[in-house]
Amino acid sequence: MKNIDWNALIFGSHSAATTWVEMFSSLLAIARQTSSPVLLHNATVTPDRLLSEAAWELWEAFPAVAVKTSASLKEWTRHSPGKAVLILDALSLRELPVLLRAAEARGIQAKEVKVTGSESPSTTTHFAQAIGLPSRSALANDGKPATFALFDGKCCTDVLSLPFEDCAISPSTNIVIWHSWLDDLLHLYKNNPDQIASLASTALQGEGFWKFINKLRQGRALVITSDHGYAVSKRFSSEIEEPDAIAMLRNSFGASRNKALTEPWLKKFMPPIVMTHNNQQIIMGQRKWKVQSGFPNLCHGGMSLLEVAVPWIEFSAL
């Protein structure tokens, strides 16, 4: 696995925008070298801790300066007809190498592979709002509102949860599909991240998925991306132990990674635990705390690298 000098990258003299470009590039290089979700998570422990414990200003700058998936999609769909967008809800860098290897096994070469950023907080609803939707469900049955930002609304849209081989594709020139497959797995097997990794790998290598992909590619260039990644908090490197901090987090967040802003967060802890953006309070870093029901093993909505880093894969049209 590529050896990254995270100290030099994070504490160098570059601007926050340039640092996030380099962070995403480094995460992509690491993700492409391993098919092990555990090894990928382990590789993010050092940079996540550096960001949350010493360079939290970079997290606070993230919403303004990091290259967002939403902005990249708006730009990509602005030019030329004959394009499809597949949003695989919760697709993370863990699934990227499996998807790329499955494509290569079928003689399909990606035109571009990169990492883009989620919204802040890293939730489905905030991504939907960033592309002009009130929620994910607004795309169902071509029901997009006039505010939809992709293709200037000139496209056919749908939200699907069917097995990939059963998904019908509109003959429209431009298509946007939001598929909930992986997000559904996260909710169904929320206590077993290893099972999710196995099921996701099987699906992404399956013929059903690639038949679906090639339907989308008939006469259309295709981008596969996501609204956000996810965190395996079972493997988080930091558990908050200070009683005052635990009490505040339990009262404010429960076992969640973000919450709507009701009153300013008292920044009495150093390093800070919470940042504020988009009228939300958001946990920074791989942090969890004891709650009565147990902290969930899988989550998203916070600011850790595998929550905010989103794969972007472009394939040429067939």
C-alpha atoms as a PDB file:
ATOM      1  CA  MET A   1       0.000   0.000   0.000  1.00  0.00           C
ATOM      2  CA  LYS A   2       1.245   3.483  -0.899  1.00  0.00           C
ATOM      3  CA  ASN A   3       3.065   5.166   1.966  1.00  0.00           C
ATOM      4  CA  ILE A   4       1.673   8.685   2.474  1.00  0.00           C
ATOM      5  CA  ASP A   5       3.449  11.326   4.552  1.00  0.00           C
ATOM      6  CA  TRP A   6       0.243  12.615   6.142  1.00  0.00           C
ATOM      7  CA  ASN A   7       2.071  15.078   8.395  1.00  0.00           C
ATOM      8  CA  ALA A   8       3.675  16.797   5.417  1.00  0.00           C
ATOM      9  CA  LEU A   9       0.438  16.762   3.447  1.00  0.00           C
ATOM     10  CA  ILE A  10      -1.808  18.107   6.228  1.00  0.00           C
ATOM     11  CA  PHE A  11       0.610  20.562   7.827  1.00  0.00           C
ATOM     12  CA  GLY A  12       2.308  21.766   4.642  1.00  0.00           C
ATOM     13  CA  SER A  13       2.163  25.314   3.379  1.00  0.00           C
ATOM     14  CA  HIS A  14      -0.590  24.726   0.822  1.00  0.00           C
ATOM     15  CA  SER A  15      -4.007  26.354   0.919  1.00  0.00           C
ATOM     16  CA  ALA A  16      -6.927  24.392   2.370  1.00  0.00           C
ATOM     17  CA  ALA A  17      -8.320  23.871  -1.147  1.00  0.00           C
ATOM     18  CA  THR A  18      -5.038  22.411  -2.415  1.00  0.00           C
ATOM     19  CA  THR A  19      -4.683  20.249   0.691  1.00  0.00           C
ATOM     20  CA  TRP A  20      -8.116  18.705   0.093  1.00  0.00           C
ATOM     21  CA  VAL A  21      -7.227  18.000  -3.539  1.00  0.00           C
ATOM     22  CA  GLU A  22      -4.097  16.189  -2.330  1.00  0.00           C
ATOM     23  CA  MET A  23      -6.041  14.382   0.414  1.00  0.00           C
ATOM     24  CA  PHE A  24      -8.541  13.052  -2.133  1.00  0.00           C
ATOM     25  CA  SER A  25      -5.742  12.041  -4.514  1.00  0.00           C
ATOM     26  CA  SER A  26      -3.946  10.155  -1.734  1.00  0.00           C
ATOM     27  CA  LEU A  27      -7.136   8.391  -0.609  1.00  0.00           C
ATOM     28  CA  LEU A  28      -7.779   7.318  -4.195  1.00  0.00           C
ATOM     29  CA  ALA A  29      -4.267   5.886  -4.521  1.00  0.00           C
ATOM     30  CA  ILE A  30      -4.690   3.899  -1.301  1.00  0.00           C
ATOM     31  CA  ALA A  31      -8.180   2.643  -2.174  1.00  0.00           C
ATOM     32  CA  ARG A  32      -7.072   1.372  -5.586  1.00  0.00           C
ATOM     33  CA  GLN A  33      -4.320  -0.725  -4.009  1.00  0.00           C
ATOM     34  CA  THR A  34      -6.430  -2.789  -1.607  1.00  0.00           C
ATOM     35  CA  SER A  35      -9.629  -4.811  -1.687  1.00  0.00           C
ATOM     36  CA  SER A  36      -9.685  -5.061   2.110  1.00  0.00           C
ATOM     37  CA  PRO A  37     -12.128  -2.634   3.789  1.00  0.00           C
ATOM     38  CA  VAL A  38     -10.309  -3.186   7.089  1.00  0.00           C
ATOM     39  CA  LEU A  39      -6.929  -2.204   5.637  1.00  0.00           C
ATOM     40  CA  LEU A  40      -8.488   0.835   3.982  1.00  0.00           C
ATOM     41  CA  HIS A  41     -10.036   1.919   7.267  1.00  0.00           C
ATOM     42  CA  ASN A  42      -6.721   1.398   9.062  1.00  0.00           C
ATOM     43  CA  ALA A  43      -5.001   3.598   6.491  1.00  0.00           C
ATOM     44  CA  THR A  44      -7.360   6.468   7.379  1.00  0.00           C
ATOM     45  CA  VAL A  45      -6.785   6.370  11.144  1.00  0.00           C
ATOM     46  CA  THR A  46      -3.673   8.568  11.095  1.00  0.00           C
ATOM     47  CA  PRO A  47      -5.001  11.306   8.777  1.00  0.00           C
ATOM     48  CA  ASP A  48      -8.400  11.312  10.501  1.00  0.00           C
ATOM     49  CA  ARG A  49      -6.757  11.812  13.882  1.00  0.00           C
ATOM     50  CA  LEU A  50      -4.429  14.511  12.584  1.00  0.00           C
ATOM     51  CA  LEU A  51      -7.368  16.378  11.068  1.00  0.00           C
ATOM     52  CA  SER A  52      -9.643  16.165  14.090  1.00  0.00           C
ATOM     53  CA  GLU A  53      -7.034  16.597  16.818  1.00  0.00           C
ATOM     54  CA  ALA A  54      -4.598  19.120  15.341  1.00  0.00           C
ATOM     55  CA  ALA A  55      -5.811  20.454  11.970  1.00  0.00           C
ATOM     56  CA  TRP A  56      -9.545  20.806  12.561  1.00  0.00           C
ATOM     57  CA  GLU A  57      -9.486  24.079  10.593  1.00  0.00           C
ATOM     58  CA  LEU A  58      -9.259  21.881   7.492  1.00  0.00           C
ATOM     59  CA  TRP A  59     -12.527  20.192   8.417  1.00  0.00           C
ATOM     60  CA  GLU A  60     -14.100  23.575   9.027  1.00  0.00           C
ATOM     61  CA  ALA A  61     -12.865  24.698   5.582  1.00  0.00           C
ATOM     62  CA  PHE A  62     -14.082  21.518   3.856  1.00  0.00           C
ATOM     63  CA  PRO A  63     -17.622  22.726   2.987  1.00  0.00           C
ATOM     64  CA  ALA A  64     -16.286  25.798   1.195  1.00  0.00           C
ATOM     65  CA  VAL A  65     -13.157  24.493  -0.540  1.00  0.00           C
ATOM     66  CA  ALA A  66     -13.356  20.724  -1.207  1.00  0.00           C
ATOM     67  CA  VAL A  67     -14.511  19.593  -4.663  1.00  0.00           C
ATOM     68  CA  LYS A  68     -18.075  18.367  -4.129  1.00  0.00           C
ATOM     69  CA  THR A  69     -19.858  15.529  -5.928  1.00  0.00           C
ATOM     70  CA  SER A  70     -22.912  17.761  -6.350  1.00  0.00           C
ATOM     71  CA  ALA A  71     -20.901  20.503  -8.074  1.00  0.00           C
ATOM     72  CA  SER A  72     -19.058  17.964 -10.251  1.00  0.00           C
ATOM     73  CA  LEU A  73     -22.366  16.442 -11.387  1.00  0.00           C
ATOM     74  CA  LYS A  74     -23.802  19.850 -12.257  1.00  0.00           C
ATOM     75  CA  GLU A  75     -20.729  20.589 -14.360  1.00  0.00           C
ATOM     76  CA  TRP A  76     -20.618  17.154 -16.045  1.00  0.00           C
ATOM     77  CA  THR A  77     -24.308  17.228 -17.004  1.00  0.00           C
ATOM     78  CA  ARG A  78     -24.091  20.763 -18.385  1.00  0.00           C
ATOM     79  CA  HIS A  79     -22.367  19.697 -21.604  1.00  0.00           C
ATOM     80  CA  SER A  80     -23.611  17.588 -24.546  1.00  0.00           C
ATOM     81  CA  PRO A  81     -26.524  15.128 -24.614  1.00  0.00           C
ATOM     82  CA  GLY A  82     -26.271  11.400 -24.209  1.00  0.00           C
ATOM     83  CA  LYS A  83     -25.280  10.950 -20.570  1.00  0.00           C
ATOM     84  CA  ALA A  84     -26.394   8.866 -17.595  1.00  0.00           C
ATOM     85  CA  VAL A  85     -25.795   9.346 -13.874  1.00  0.00           C
ATOM     86  CA  LEU A  86     -26.038   6.416 -11.474  1.00  0.00           C
ATOM     87  CA  ILE A  87     -26.049   7.455  -7.815  1.00  0.00           C
ATOM     88  CA  LEU A  88     -25.390   4.356  -5.725  1.00  0.00           C
ATOM     89  CA  ASP A  89     -26.515   5.511  -2.303  1.00  0.00           C
ATOM     90  CA  ALA A  90     -23.701   5.207   0.306  1.00  0.00           C
ATOM     91  CA  LEU A  91     -21.094   3.886  -2.168  1.00  0.00           C
ATOM     92  CA  SER A  92     -17.710   4.416  -0.518  1.00  0.00           C
ATOM     93  CA  LEU A  93     -14.052   3.994  -1.386  1.00  0.00           C
ATOM     94  CA  ARG A  94     -14.272   0.464   0.068  1.00  0.00           C
ATOM     95  CA  GLU A  95     -16.284  -0.656  -2.965  1.00  0.00           C
ATOM     96  CA  LEU A  96     -14.216   1.195  -5.589  1.00  0.00           C
ATOM     97  CA  PRO A  97     -11.477  -1.424  -6.235  1.00  0.00           C
ATOM     98  CA  VAL A  98     -14.028  -4.244  -6.534  1.00  0.00           C
ATOM     99  CA  LEU A  99     -16.044  -2.257  -9.062  1.00  0.00           C
ATOM    100  CA  LEU A 100     -12.987  -1.337 -11.131  1.00  0.00           C
ATOM    101  CA  ARG A 101     -11.647  -4.889 -11.193  1.00  0.00           C
ATOM    102  CA  ALA A 102     -15.035  -6.227 -12.237  1.00  0.00           C
ATOM    103  CA  ALA A 103     -15.116  -3.699 -15.089  1.00  0.00           C
ATOM    104  CA  GLU A 104     -11.610  -4.619 -16.241  1.00  0.00           C
ATOM    105  CA  ALA A 105     -12.497  -8.324 -16.170  1.00  0.00           C
ATOM    106  CA  ARG A 106     -15.171  -7.499 -18.752  1.00  0.00           C
ATOM    107  CA  GLY A 107     -12.833  -5.413 -20.885  1.00  0.00           C
ATOM    108  CA  ILE A 108     -14.382  -2.137 -19.701  1.00  0.00           C
ATOM    109  CA  GLN A 109     -11.896   0.636 -18.997  1.00  0.00           C
ATOM    110  CA  ALA A 110     -12.893   3.609 -16.890  1.00  0.00           C
ATOM    111  CA  LYS A 111     -12.415   6.933 -18.660  1.00  0.00           C
ATOM    112  CA  GLU A 112     -11.868   8.778 -15.374  1.00  0.00           C
ATOM    113  CA  VAL A 113     -11.624   7.745 -11.733  1.00  0.00           C
ATOM    114  CA  LYS A 114     -11.398  10.318  -8.956  1.00  0.00           C
ATOM    115  CA  VAL A 115     -12.652  11.196  -5.494  1.00  0.00           C
ATOM    116  CA  THR A 116     -15.176  13.933  -4.826  1.00  0.00           C
ATOM    117  CA  GLY A 117     -16.666  15.169  -1.559  1.00  0.00           C
ATOM    118  CA  SER A 118     -20.034  14.732   0.119  1.00  0.00           C
ATOM    119  CA  GLU A 119     -22.041  17.574   1.545  1.00  0.00           C
ATOM    120  CA  SER A 120     -21.618  18.621   5.168  1.00  0.00           C
ATOM    121  CA  PRO A 121     -23.094  16.820   6.988  1.00  0.00           C
ATOM    122  CA  SER A 122     -22.586  13.653   4.930  1.00  0.00           C
ATOM    123  CA  THR A 123     -26.267  12.730   4.592  1.00  0.00           C
ATOM    124  CA  THR A 124     -28.620  11.753   1.780  1.00  0.00           C
ATOM    125  CA  THR A 125     -30.958  14.685   2.366  1.00  0.00           C
ATOM    126  CA  HIS A 126     -28.214  17.313   2.260  1.00  0.00           C
ATOM    127  CA  PHE A 127     -26.856  15.859  -0.994  1.00  0.00           C
ATOM    128  CA  ALA A 128     -30.371  15.830  -2.466  1.00  0.00           C
ATOM    129  CA  GLN A 129     -30.821  19.475  -1.524  1.00  0.00           C
ATOM    130  CA  ALA A 130     -27.472  20.342  -3.126  1.00  0.00           C
ATOM    131  CA  ILE A 131     -28.742  19.087  -6.511  1.00  0.00           C
ATOM    132  CA  GLY A 132     -32.074  20.849  -6.204  1.00  0.00           C
ATOM    133  CA  LEU A 133     -34.283  18.204  -4.587  1.00  0.00           C
ATOM    134  CA  PRO A 134     -36.240  18.191  -1.341  1.00  0.00           C
ATOM    135  CA  SER A 135     -35.330  14.511  -0.879  1.00  0.00           C
ATOM    136  CA  ARG A 136     -34.141  11.409  -2.754  1.00  0.00           C
ATOM    137  CA  SER A 137     -37.709  10.272  -3.369  1.00  0.00           C
ATOM    138  CA  ALA A 138     -38.415  13.344  -5.519  1.00  0.00           C
ATOM    139  CA  LEU A 139     -36.668  11.619  -8.458  1.00  0.00           C
ATOM    140  CA  ALA A 140     -39.027   8.610  -8.438  1.00  0.00           C
ATOM    141  CA  ASN A 141     -41.042   7.882 -11.589  1.00  0.00           C
ATOM    142  CA  ASP A 142     -39.572  10.891 -13.397  1.00  0.00           C
ATOM    143  CA  GLY A 143     -41.142  13.158 -10.793  1.00  0.00           C
ATOM    144  CA  LYS A 144     -38.242  15.612 -10.599  1.00  0.00           C
ATOM    145  CA  PRO A 145     -39.168  19.156  -9.557  1.00  0.00           C
ATOM    146  CA  ALA A 146     -38.398  22.241 -11.624  1.00  0.00           C
ATOM    147  CA  THR A 147     -35.531  22.994  -9.235  1.00  0.00           C
ATOM    148  CA  PHE A 148     -33.588  19.825 -10.217  1.00  0.00           C
ATOM    149  CA  ALA A 149     -30.109  21.000 -11.198  1.00  0.00           C
ATOM    150  CA  LEU A 150     -28.764  18.112 -13.335  1.00  0.00           C
ATOM    151  CA  PHE A 151     -29.161  18.384 -17.135  1.00  0.00           C
ATOM    152  CA  ASP A 152     -31.153  21.575 -16.452  1.00  0.00           C
ATOM    153  CA  GLY A 153     -34.011  19.176 -15.754  1.00  0.00           C
ATOM    154  CA  LYS A 154     -33.915  17.753 -19.308  1.00  0.00           C
ATOM    155  CA  CYS A 155     -33.638  14.088 -18.332  1.00  0.00           C
ATOM    156  CA  CYS A 156     -35.581  11.072 -17.131  1.00  0.00           C
ATOM    157  CA  THR A 157     -35.193  10.225 -13.445  1.00  0.00           C
ATOM    158  CA  ASP A 158     -36.026   7.391 -11.087  1.00  0.00           C
ATOM    159  CA  VAL A 159     -35.285   5.963  -7.647  1.00  0.00           C
ATOM    160  CA  LEU A 160     -34.807   2.188  -7.616  1.00  0.00           C
ATOM    161  CA  SER A 161     -34.294  -0.547  -5.051  1.00  0.00           C
ATOM    162  CA  LEU A 162     -34.919  -3.572  -7.293  1.00  0.00           C
ATOM    163  CA  PRO A 163     -32.220  -6.144  -8.022  1.00  0.00           C
ATOM    164  CA  PHE A 164     -30.021  -4.694 -10.733  1.00  0.00           C
ATOM    165  CA  GLU A 165     -31.024  -7.293 -13.325  1.00  0.00           C
ATOM    166  CA  ASP A 166     -34.695  -6.283 -12.906  1.00  0.00           C
ATOM    167  CA  CYS A 167     -34.165  -2.551 -13.385  1.00  0.00           C
ATOM    168  CA  ALA A 168     -35.777  -1.128 -16.523  1.00  0.00           C
ATOM    169  CA  ILE A 169     -34.063   1.765 -18.312  1.00  0.00           C
ATOM    170  CA  SER A 170     -35.844   4.594 -20.090  1.00  0.00           C
ATOM    171  CA  PRO A 171     -34.825   5.209 -23.733  1.00  0.00           C
ATOM    172  CA  SER A 172     -34.324   8.899 -22.866  1.00  0.00           C
ATOM    173  CA  THR A 173     -31.152  10.627 -24.034  1.00  0.00           C
ATOM    174  CA  ASN A 174     -30.220  11.674 -20.494  1.00  0.00           C
ATOM    175  CA  ILE A 175     -30.940   9.604 -17.382  1.00  0.00           C
ATOM    176  CA  VAL A 176     -30.450   9.994 -13.632  1.00  0.00           C
ATOM    177  CA  ILE A 177     -30.961   6.869 -11.495  1.00  0.00           C
ATOM    178  CA  TRP A 178     -30.618   6.880  -7.708  1.00  0.00           C
ATOM    179  CA  HIS A 179     -30.332   3.278  -6.474  1.00  0.00           C
ATOM    180  CA  SER A 180     -30.640   2.475  -2.773  1.00  0.00           C
ATOM    181  CA  TRP A 181     -29.090  -1.025  -2.874  1.00  0.00           C
ATOM    182  CA  LEU A 182     -26.019  -0.404  -0.696  1.00  0.00           C
ATOM    183  CA  ASP A 183     -27.805   1.955   1.689  1.00  0.00           C
ATOM    184  CA  ASP A 184     -30.441  -0.763   2.173  1.00  0.00           C
ATOM    185  CA  LEU A 185     -27.682  -3.249   3.050  1.00  0.00           C
ATOM    186  CA  LEU A 186     -26.246  -0.842   5.615  1.00  0.00           C
ATOM    187  CA  HIS A 187     -29.579  -0.636   7.387  1.00  0.00           C
ATOM    188  CA  LEU A 188     -30.267  -4.360   7.121  1.00  0.00           C
ATOM    189  CA  TYR A 189     -26.838  -5.527   8.380  1.00  0.00           C
ATOM    190  CA  LYS A 190     -25.917  -2.503  10.481  1.00  0.00           C
ATOM    191  CA  ASN A 191     -24.152  -4.613  13.106  1.00  0.00           C
ATOM    192  CA  ASN A 192     -22.068  -6.647  10.676  1.00  0.00           C
ATOM    193  CA  PRO A 193     -19.785  -4.586   8.407  1.00  0.00           C
ATOM    194  CA  ASP A 194     -17.936  -7.714   7.230  1.00  0.00           C
ATOM    195  CA  GLN A 195     -21.168  -9.160   5.864  1.00  0.00           C
ATOM    196  CA  ILE A 196     -21.889  -5.920   4.027  1.00  0.00           C
ATOM    197  CA  ALA A 197     -18.423  -6.040   2.458  1.00  0.00           C
ATOM    198  CA  SER A 198     -19.013  -9.593   1.255  1.00  0.00           C
ATOM    199  CA  LEU A 199     -22.486  -8.894  -0.149  1.00  0.00           C
ATOM    200  CA  ALA A 200     -21.368  -5.680  -1.828  1.00  0.00           C
ATOM    201  CA  SER A 201     -18.423  -7.421  -3.460  1.00  0.00           C
ATOM    202  CA  THR A 202     -20.643 -10.191  -4.793  1.00  0.00           C
ATOM    203  CA  ALA A 203     -23.188  -7.755  -6.213  1.00  0.00           C
ATOM    204  CA  LEU A 204     -20.641  -5.492  -7.903  1.00  0.00           C
ATOM    205  CA  GLN A 205     -19.011  -8.476  -9.607  1.00  0.00           C
ATOM    206  CA  GLY A 206     -22.333  -9.986 -10.640  1.00  0.00           C
ATOM    207  CA  GLU A 207     -23.643 -10.181 -14.195  1.00  0.00           C
ATOM    208  CA  GLY A 208     -26.880  -8.502 -13.133  1.00  0.00           C
ATOM    209  CA  PHE A 209     -25.060  -5.337 -12.141  1.00  0.00           C
ATOM    210  CA  TRP A 210     -23.017  -5.163 -15.330  1.00  0.00           C
ATOM    211  CA  LYS A 211     -26.026  -5.805 -17.570  1.00  0.00           C
ATOM    212  CA  PHE A 212     -27.652  -2.855 -15.817  1.00  0.00           C
ATOM    213  CA  ILE A 213     -24.520  -0.746 -16.328  1.00  0.00           C
ATOM    214  CA  ASN A 214     -24.382  -1.572 -20.027  1.00  0.00           C
ATOM    215  CA  LYS A 215     -28.062  -0.665 -20.440  1.00  0.00           C
ATOM    216  CA  LEU A 216     -27.256   2.749 -19.036  1.00  0.00           C
ATOM    217  CA  ARG A 217     -24.236   3.027 -21.360  1.00  0.00           C
ATOM    218  CA  GLN A 218     -26.218   2.385 -24.560  1.00  0.00           C
ATOM    219  CA  GLY A 219     -25.613   5.676 -26.375  1.00  0.00           C
ATOM    220  CA  ARG A 220     -24.704   7.434 -23.134  1.00  0.00           C
ATOM    221  CA  ALA A 221     -21.538   8.214 -21.227  1.00  0.00           C
ATOM    222  CA  LEU A 222     -22.012   7.106 -17.623  1.00  0.00           C
ATOM    223  CA  VAL A 223     -20.874   8.420 -14.252  1.00  0.00           C
ATOM    224  CA  ILE A 224     -21.254   6.203 -11.195  1.00  0.00           C
ATOM    225  CA  THR A 225     -21.005   8.083  -7.920  1.00  0.00           C
ATOM    226  CA  SER A 226     -22.698   8.493  -4.548  1.00  0.00           C
ATOM    227  CA  ASP A 227     -24.268  10.925  -2.114  1.00  0.00           C
ATOM    228  CA  HIS A 228     -21.867  10.017   0.726  1.00  0.00           C
ATOM    229  CA  GLY A 229     -19.715   7.195   2.052  1.00  0.00           C
ATOM    230  CA  TYR A 230     -20.054   5.606   5.476  1.00  0.00           C
ATOM    231  CA  ALA A 231     -18.087   4.993   8.656  1.00  0.00           C
ATOM    232  CA  VAL A 232     -17.456   1.662  10.362  1.00  0.00           C
ATOM    233  CA  SER A 233     -17.575   3.117  13.848  1.00  0.00           C
ATOM    234  CA  LYS A 234     -16.939  -0.333  15.273  1.00  0.00           C
ATOM    235  CA  ARG A 235     -13.309   0.327  14.249  1.00  0.00           C
ATOM    236  CA  PHE A 236     -13.101   3.997  15.268  1.00  0.00           C
ATOM    237  CA  SER A 237      -9.760   4.929  16.741  1.00  0.00           C
ATOM    238  CA  SER A 238     -11.058   7.306  19.431  1.00  0.00           C
ATOM    239  CA  GLU A 239     -13.636   6.831  22.161  1.00  0.00           C
ATOM    240  CA  ILE A 240     -14.442   9.931  24.172  1.00  0.00           C
ATOM    241  CA  GLU A 241     -13.957   9.265  27.879  1.00  0.00           C
ATOM    242  CA  GLU A 242     -14.239  12.664  29.575  1.00  0.00           C
ATOM    243  CA  PRO A 243     -17.502  12.537  31.587  1.00  0.00           C
ATOM    244  CA  ASP A 244     -18.569  16.118  30.788  1.00  0.00           C
ATOM    245  CA  ALA A 245     -18.030  15.565  27.068  1.00  0.00           C
ATOM    246  CA  ILE A 246     -19.909  12.245  27.100  1.00  0.00           C
ATOM    247  CA  ALA A 247     -22.857  13.837  28.903  1.00  0.00           C
ATOM    248  CA  MET A 248     -23.027  16.727  26.412  1.00  0.00           C
ATOM    249  CA  LEU A 249     -22.776  14.409  23.410  1.00  0.00           C
ATOM    250  CA  ARG A 250     -25.425  12.040  24.734  1.00  0.00           C
ATOM    251  CA  ASN A 251     -27.798  14.910  25.415  1.00  0.00           C
ATOM    252  CA  SER A 252     -27.157  16.645  22.107  1.00  0.00           C
ATOM    253  CA  PHE A 253     -26.508  13.825  19.630  1.00  0.00           C
ATOM    254  CA  GLY A 254     -27.621  10.571  21.224  1.00  0.00           C
ATOM    255  CA  ALA A 255     -25.785   8.065  19.027  1.00  0.00           C
ATOM    256  CA  SER A 256     -25.822  10.186  15.869  1.00  0.00           C
ATOM    257  CA  ARG A 257     -23.017  11.940  13.990  1.00  0.00           C
ATOM    258  CA  ASN A 258     -24.973  15.128  13.280  1.00  0.00           C
ATOM    259  CA  LYS A 259     -28.009  17.032  14.526  1.00  0.00           C
ATOM    260  CA  ALA A 260     -29.979  20.126  13.590  1.00  0.00           C
ATOM    261  CA  LEU A 261     -28.638  23.291  15.158  1.00  0.00           C
ATOM    262  CA  THR A 262     -30.831  24.443  18.019  1.00  0.00           C
ATOM    263  CA  GLU A 263     -28.290  26.453  19.984  1.00  0.00           C
ATOM    264  CA  PRO A 264     -24.581  27.169  19.584  1.00  0.00           C
ATOM    265  CA  TRP A 265     -22.233  24.367  20.601  1.00  0.00           C
ATOM    266  CA  LEU A 266     -20.133  25.435  23.554  1.00  0.00           C
ATOM    267  CA  LYS A 267     -16.535  25.026  22.403  1.00  0.00           C
ATOM    268  CA  LYS A 268     -15.253  24.161  25.837  1.00  0.00           C
ATOM    269  CA  PHE A 269     -13.245  21.151  24.686  1.00  0.00           C
ATOM    270  CA  MET A 270      -9.863  21.243  22.985  1.00  0.00           C
ATOM    271  CA  PRO A 271      -9.436  19.947  20.446  1.00  0.00           C
ATOM    272  CA  PRO A 272     -13.014  20.768  19.428  1.00  0.00           C
ATOM    273  CA  ILE A 273     -15.354  17.835  18.835  1.00  0.00           C
ATOM    274  CA  VAL A 274     -18.064  19.566  16.824  1.00  0.00           C
ATOM    275  CA  MET A 275     -18.191  21.879  13.793  1.00  0.00           C
ATOM    276  CA  THR A 276     -21.207  23.818  12.557  1.00  0.00           C
ATOM    277  CA  HIS A 277     -22.344  24.042   8.934  1.00  0.00           C
ATOM    278  CA  ASN A 278     -25.591  23.999   6.965  1.00  0.00           C
ATOM    279  CA  ASN A 279     -27.550  24.690  10.165  1.00  0.00           C
ATOM    280  CA  GLN A 280     -26.185  21.421  11.546  1.00  0.00           C
ATOM    281  CA  GLN A 281     -23.795  20.444  14.293  1.00  0.00           C
ATOM    282  CA  ILE A 282     -21.408  17.753  13.029  1.00  0.00           C
ATOM    283  CA  ILE A 283     -18.953  15.435  14.790  1.00  0.00           C
ATOM    284  CA  MET A 284     -15.385  15.684  13.476  1.00  0.00           C
ATOM    285  CA  GLY A 285     -13.164  12.610  13.249  1.00  0.00           C
ATOM    286  CA  GLN A 286     -13.359   8.945  14.229  1.00  0.00           C
ATOM    287  CA  ARG A 287     -15.059   9.629  17.550  1.00  0.00           C
ATOM    288  CA  LYS A 288     -17.684   7.673  19.438  1.00  0.00           C
ATOM    289  CA  TRP A 289     -18.930   7.629  22.997  1.00  0.00           C
ATOM    290  CA  LYS A 290     -20.844   5.305  25.282  1.00  0.00           C
ATOM    291  CA  VAL A 291     -24.624   5.400  24.917  1.00  0.00           C
ATOM    292  CA  GLN A 292     -27.175   3.168  26.585  1.00  0.00           C
ATOM    293  CA  SER A 293     -28.205   1.339  23.418  1.00  0.00           C
ATOM    294  CA  GLY A 294     -24.615   1.079  22.168  1.00  0.00           C
ATOM    295  CA  PHE A 295     -23.022   3.242  19.508  1.00  0.00           C
ATOM    296  CA  PRO A 296     -23.984   1.943  16.022  1.00  0.00           C
ATOM    297  CA  ASN A 297     -21.325  -0.070  14.191  1.00  0.00           C
ATOM    298  CA  LEU A 298     -22.106   1.721  10.918  1.00  0.00           C
ATOM    299  CA  CYS A 299     -23.045   5.342  10.450  1.00  0.00           C
ATOM    300  CA  HIS A 300     -22.664   8.462   8.349  1.00  0.00           C
ATOM    301  CA  GLY A 301     -23.411  12.144   8.733  1.00  0.00           C
ATOM    302  CA  GLY A 302     -20.115  13.101  10.376  1.00  0.00           C
ATOM    303  CA  MET A 303     -16.789  14.380   9.146  1.00  0.00           C
ATOM    304  CA  SER A 304     -14.399  11.461   8.759  1.00  0.00           C
ATOM    305  CA  LEU A 305     -12.574  10.607   5.570  1.00  0.00           C
ATOM    306  CA  LEU A 306     -14.535   7.520   4.570  1.00  0.00           C
ATOM    307  CA  GLU A 307     -17.826   9.314   5.234  1.00  0.00           C
ATOM    308  CA  VAL A 308     -17.060  12.319   3.036  1.00  0.00           C
ATOM    309  CA  ALA A 309     -14.900  10.734   0.282  1.00  0.00           C
ATOM    310  CA  VAL A 310     -17.049   9.609  -2.646  1.00  0.00           C
ATOM    311  CA  PRO A 311     -15.956   7.545  -5.680  1.00  0.00           C
ATOM    312  CA  TRP A 312     -16.464   9.052  -9.143  1.00  0.00           C
ATOM    313  CA  ILE A 313     -16.129   6.622 -12.062  1.00  0.00           C
ATOM    314  CA  GLU A 314     -16.823   7.647 -15.654  1.00  0.00           C
ATOM    315  CA  PHE A 315     -17.333   5.126 -18.465  1.00  0.00           C
ATOM    316  CA  SER A 316     -17.633   5.900 -22.165  1.00  0.00           C
ATOM    317  CA  ALA A 317     -20.833   5.247 -24.072  1.00  0.00           C
ATOM    318  CA  LEU A 318     -21.437   1.984 -25.895  1.00  0.00           C
END
